Amino acid sequence: MKSEIPVHKKIPRGLIKSKYRKEMWKHSNEVMNKIEKHIPISSAYLVGSFSSNKKRPSDVDLILLLKTKEKKNKKWVLDIEIVSKINLVKKH
């Protein structure tokens, strides 16, 4: 499995082999575009099962690198997981 695949607006064609994967990427890209309207994204990386040859991955995992103002001595870390209400209900 590949660890990180750079994607930002475009995904390597080899990963969209089926209608199922194409739809998943389309919806993920729409969410990424909505996020970018509010938070500037400098780059995005595809990780997890969608970046492998798995026929039906359960989700699309992305690492989004945000554009931030550089300030010395300022460090921050933030993990955000965006899920649909349906997925959240299933987990709990």
N, C-alpha and C. Protein backbone atom coordinates (compact mmCIF):
# COMPACT_ATOMS: atom_id res chain seq x y z
N MET A 1 0.84 -1.17 0.00
CA MET A 1 0.00 0.00 0.00
C MET A 1 0.89 1.24 0.00
N LYS A 2 0.52 2.21 -0.79
CA LYS A 2 1.26 3.46 -0.86
C LYS A 2 0.96 4.26 0.40
N SER A 3 1.96 4.95 0.91
CA SER A 3 1.74 5.68 2.16
C SER A 3 1.06 7.03 1.94
N GLU A 4 1.55 7.82 1.01
CA GLU A 4 0.97 9.13 0.74
C GLU A 4 1.01 9.41 -0.75
N ILE A 5 -0.11 9.85 -1.29
CA ILE A 5 -0.18 10.21 -2.70
C ILE A 5 -0.61 11.67 -2.76
N PRO A 6 0.22 12.55 -3.35
CA PRO A 6 -0.18 13.95 -3.42
C PRO A 6 -1.38 14.13 -4.35
N VAL A 7 -2.41 14.76 -3.82
CA VAL A 7 -3.60 15.08 -4.61
C VAL A 7 -4.08 16.45 -4.19
N HIS A 8 -4.43 17.24 -5.11
CA HIS A 8 -5.08 18.51 -4.82
C HIS A 8 -5.85 18.87 -6.08
N LYS A 9 -7.10 18.60 -6.03
CA LYS A 9 -8.01 18.78 -7.16
C LYS A 9 -7.95 17.62 -8.16
N LYS A 10 -6.83 16.90 -8.21
CA LYS A 10 -6.69 15.80 -9.17
C LYS A 10 -6.21 14.56 -8.45
N ILE A 11 -6.69 13.41 -8.92
CA ILE A 11 -6.27 12.14 -8.34
C ILE A 11 -5.65 11.31 -9.47
N PRO A 12 -4.64 10.51 -9.19
CA PRO A 12 -4.07 9.66 -10.25
C PRO A 12 -5.15 8.74 -10.86
N ARG A 13 -5.19 8.67 -12.17
CA ARG A 13 -6.22 7.89 -12.88
C ARG A 13 -6.28 6.43 -12.45
N GLY A 14 -5.15 5.85 -12.10
CA GLY A 14 -5.11 4.45 -11.72
C GLY A 14 -5.93 4.12 -10.48
N LEU A 15 -6.25 5.13 -9.69
CA LEU A 15 -7.03 4.89 -8.48
C LEU A 15 -8.53 4.96 -8.71
N ILE A 16 -8.95 5.43 -9.87
CA ILE A 16 -10.37 5.50 -10.18
C ILE A 16 -10.66 4.42 -11.21
N LYS A 17 -10.80 3.19 -10.72
CA LYS A 17 -10.97 2.05 -11.61
C LYS A 17 -12.42 1.63 -11.74
N SER A 18 -13.28 2.09 -10.85
CA SER A 18 -14.68 1.66 -10.88
C SER A 18 -15.60 2.85 -10.65
N LYS A 19 -16.86 2.63 -10.93
CA LYS A 19 -17.87 3.67 -10.72
C LYS A 19 -17.95 4.01 -9.23
N TYR A 20 -17.83 2.98 -8.39
CA TYR A 20 -17.87 3.16 -6.94
C TYR A 20 -16.78 4.12 -6.47
N ARG A 21 -15.54 3.89 -6.92
CA ARG A 21 -14.42 4.75 -6.54
C ARG A 21 -14.58 6.16 -7.12
N LYS A 22 -15.08 6.24 -8.34
CA LYS A 22 -15.28 7.54 -8.98
C LYS A 22 -16.26 8.39 -8.19
N GLU A 23 -17.36 7.79 -7.74
CA GLU A 23 -18.36 8.50 -6.94
C GLU A 23 -17.78 8.93 -5.60
N MET A 24 -17.02 8.03 -4.95
CA MET A 24 -16.40 8.37 -3.66
C MET A 24 -15.48 9.57 -3.82
N TRP A 25 -14.66 9.57 -4.87
CA TRP A 25 -13.74 10.68 -5.07
C TRP A 25 -14.49 11.96 -5.38
N LYS A 26 -15.55 11.87 -6.19
CA LYS A 26 -16.34 13.05 -6.55
C LYS A 26 -16.90 13.72 -5.29
N HIS A 27 -17.47 12.93 -4.40
CA HIS A 27 -18.05 13.49 -3.17
C HIS A 27 -16.96 14.02 -2.24
N SER A 28 -15.84 13.33 -2.16
CA SER A 28 -14.73 13.79 -1.32
C SER A 28 -14.17 15.11 -1.85
N ASN A 29 -14.07 15.23 -3.15
CA ASN A 29 -13.58 16.46 -3.77
C ASN A 29 -14.53 17.62 -3.50
N GLU A 30 -15.84 17.35 -3.52
CA GLU A 30 -16.82 18.40 -3.22
C GLU A 30 -16.65 18.91 -1.79
N VAL A 31 -16.43 17.99 -0.86
CA VAL A 31 -16.21 18.38 0.55
C VAL A 31 -14.92 19.19 0.66
N MET A 32 -13.87 18.75 -0.02
CA MET A 32 -12.59 19.46 0.02
C MET A 32 -12.76 20.88 -0.54
N ASN A 33 -13.54 21.04 -1.59
CA ASN A 33 -13.78 22.37 -2.16
C ASN A 33 -14.54 23.27 -1.18
N LYS A 34 -15.50 22.70 -0.45
CA LYS A 34 -16.25 23.48 0.54
C LYS A 34 -15.34 23.92 1.68
N ILE A 35 -14.46 23.03 2.11
CA ILE A 35 -13.51 23.38 3.17
C ILE A 35 -12.60 24.50 2.70
N GLU A 36 -12.14 24.40 1.45
CA GLU A 36 -11.19 25.38 0.93
C GLU A 36 -11.80 26.78 0.81
N LYS A 37 -13.12 26.88 0.75
CA LYS A 37 -13.76 28.20 0.72
C LYS A 37 -13.56 28.94 2.03
N HIS A 38 -13.33 28.19 3.11
CA HIS A 38 -13.20 28.79 4.44
C HIS A 38 -11.78 28.72 4.99
N ILE A 39 -11.07 27.66 4.61
CA ILE A 39 -9.70 27.45 5.10
C ILE A 39 -8.81 27.18 3.89
N PRO A 40 -7.82 28.02 3.62
CA PRO A 40 -6.96 27.81 2.45
C PRO A 40 -6.10 26.55 2.60
N ILE A 41 -6.13 25.70 1.58
CA ILE A 41 -5.37 24.45 1.57
C ILE A 41 -4.16 24.62 0.67
N SER A 42 -2.97 24.30 1.20
CA SER A 42 -1.78 24.41 0.36
C SER A 42 -1.54 23.13 -0.42
N SER A 43 -1.83 21.97 0.19
CA SER A 43 -1.71 20.71 -0.54
C SER A 43 -2.51 19.63 0.19
N ALA A 44 -2.77 18.54 -0.53
CA ALA A 44 -3.55 17.44 0.03
C ALA A 44 -2.87 16.13 -0.34
N TYR A 45 -2.94 15.17 0.58
CA TYR A 45 -2.34 13.85 0.37
C TYR A 45 -3.37 12.77 0.65
N LEU A 46 -3.45 11.80 -0.23
CA LEU A 46 -4.36 10.68 -0.09
C LEU A 46 -3.63 9.57 0.67
N VAL A 47 -4.26 9.07 1.72
CA VAL A 47 -3.69 7.98 2.52
C VAL A 47 -4.78 6.94 2.76
N GLY A 48 -4.40 5.82 3.32
CA GLY A 48 -5.39 4.81 3.69
C GLY A 48 -5.77 3.89 2.55
N SER A 49 -6.90 3.21 2.74
CA SER A 49 -7.31 2.14 1.82
C SER A 49 -7.64 2.65 0.41
N PHE A 50 -8.08 3.90 0.27
CA PHE A 50 -8.41 4.41 -1.06
C PHE A 50 -7.15 4.54 -1.92
N SER A 51 -6.00 4.67 -1.29
CA SER A 51 -4.75 4.79 -2.05
C SER A 51 -4.18 3.42 -2.42
N SER A 52 -4.86 2.35 -2.04
CA SER A 52 -4.41 0.99 -2.35
C SER A 52 -5.24 0.41 -3.50
N ASN A 53 -5.03 -0.86 -3.78
CA ASN A 53 -5.78 -1.54 -4.84
C ASN A 53 -7.06 -2.19 -4.32
N LYS A 54 -7.45 -1.90 -3.10
CA LYS A 54 -8.66 -2.46 -2.51
C LYS A 54 -9.86 -2.13 -3.39
N LYS A 55 -10.70 -3.12 -3.68
CA LYS A 55 -11.81 -2.91 -4.61
C LYS A 55 -12.88 -1.96 -4.06
N ARG A 56 -13.25 -2.11 -2.79
CA ARG A 56 -14.29 -1.27 -2.21
C ARG A 56 -13.82 -0.65 -0.89
N PRO A 57 -12.99 0.38 -0.96
CA PRO A 57 -12.56 1.04 0.28
C PRO A 57 -13.77 1.67 0.97
N SER A 58 -13.72 1.73 2.28
CA SER A 58 -14.87 2.24 3.02
C SER A 58 -14.95 3.76 3.05
N ASP A 59 -13.80 4.43 2.86
CA ASP A 59 -13.80 5.88 2.87
C ASP A 59 -12.56 6.43 2.18
N VAL A 60 -12.52 7.74 2.08
CA VAL A 60 -11.36 8.42 1.51
C VAL A 60 -10.67 9.18 2.65
N ASP A 61 -9.42 8.84 2.90
CA ASP A 61 -8.66 9.51 3.96
C ASP A 61 -7.70 10.51 3.32
N LEU A 62 -7.78 11.74 3.77
CA LEU A 62 -6.94 12.80 3.23
C LEU A 62 -6.18 13.50 4.35
N ILE A 63 -4.98 13.91 4.05
CA ILE A 63 -4.25 14.82 4.92
C ILE A 63 -4.23 16.15 4.18
N LEU A 64 -4.79 17.18 4.80
CA LEU A 64 -4.83 18.50 4.19
C LEU A 64 -3.82 19.39 4.90
N LEU A 65 -2.90 19.94 4.14
CA LEU A 65 -1.93 20.90 4.69
C LEU A 65 -2.49 22.30 4.45
N LEU A 66 -2.64 23.04 5.52
CA LEU A 66 -3.27 24.35 5.45
C LEU A 66 -2.25 25.46 5.30
N LYS A 67 -2.65 26.52 4.61
CA LYS A 67 -1.81 27.71 4.49
C LYS A 67 -2.00 28.51 5.77
N THR A 68 -0.91 28.76 6.44
CA THR A 68 -0.97 29.55 7.67
C THR A 68 0.08 30.65 7.63
N LYS A 69 -0.17 31.67 8.40
CA LYS A 69 0.83 32.73 8.52
C LYS A 69 1.95 32.21 9.40
N GLU A 70 3.16 32.46 8.98
CA GLU A 70 4.32 32.00 9.76
C GLU A 70 4.63 33.00 10.86
N LYS A 71 4.67 32.49 12.08
CA LYS A 71 5.06 33.30 13.22
C LYS A 71 6.07 32.49 14.02
N LYS A 72 7.15 33.13 14.35
CA LYS A 72 8.17 32.42 15.12
C LYS A 72 7.63 32.07 16.50
N ASN A 73 8.10 30.93 17.00
CA ASN A 73 7.73 30.43 18.32
C ASN A 73 6.25 30.09 18.45
N LYS A 74 5.55 29.93 17.36
CA LYS A 74 4.15 29.51 17.40
C LYS A 74 4.06 28.12 16.79
N LYS A 75 3.60 27.15 17.57
CA LYS A 75 3.42 25.79 17.08
C LYS A 75 2.02 25.35 17.42
N TRP A 76 1.38 24.66 16.49
CA TRP A 76 0.07 24.12 16.77
C TRP A 76 -0.14 22.83 16.00
N VAL A 77 -0.96 21.98 16.56
CA VAL A 77 -1.29 20.70 15.95
C VAL A 77 -2.81 20.56 16.02
N LEU A 78 -3.40 20.07 14.95
CA LEU A 78 -4.84 19.94 14.92
C LEU A 78 -5.21 18.74 14.07
N ASP A 79 -6.02 17.85 14.61
CA ASP A 79 -6.58 16.72 13.86
C ASP A 79 -8.07 16.95 13.74
N ILE A 80 -8.58 16.86 12.52
CA ILE A 80 -10.01 17.01 12.29
C ILE A 80 -10.49 15.78 11.53
N GLU A 81 -11.57 15.21 12.00
CA GLU A 81 -12.19 14.10 11.28
C GLU A 81 -13.58 14.54 10.89
N ILE A 82 -13.86 14.53 9.60
CA ILE A 82 -15.16 14.94 9.10
C ILE A 82 -15.90 13.68 8.66
N VAL A 83 -17.04 13.44 9.28
CA VAL A 83 -17.85 12.26 8.95
C VAL A 83 -19.30 12.69 8.78
N SER A 84 -20.04 11.87 8.06
CA SER A 84 -21.47 12.16 7.90
C SER A 84 -22.20 11.76 9.17
N LYS A 85 -23.38 12.29 9.37
CA LYS A 85 -24.18 11.92 10.54
C LYS A 85 -24.44 10.42 10.57
N ILE A 86 -24.66 9.83 9.42
CA ILE A 86 -24.95 8.40 9.33
C ILE A 86 -23.78 7.60 9.89
N ASN A 87 -22.56 7.93 9.50
CA ASN A 87 -21.38 7.23 10.00
C ASN A 87 -21.20 7.45 11.50
N LEU A 88 -21.49 8.63 11.97
CA LEU A 88 -21.33 8.93 13.39
C LEU A 88 -22.31 8.10 14.21
N VAL A 89 -23.54 7.97 13.75
CA VAL A 89 -24.54 7.17 14.45
C VAL A 89 -24.15 5.70 14.48
N LYS A 90 -23.59 5.19 13.39
CA LYS A 90 -23.18 3.79 13.32
C LYS A 90 -22.06 3.47 14.31
N LYS A 91 -21.15 4.43 14.55
CA LYS A 91 -20.01 4.21 15.44
C LYS A 91 -20.43 4.19 16.90
N HIS A 92 -21.48 4.93 17.26
CA HIS A 92 -21.86 5.05 18.67
C HIS A 92 -23.10 4.32 18.96
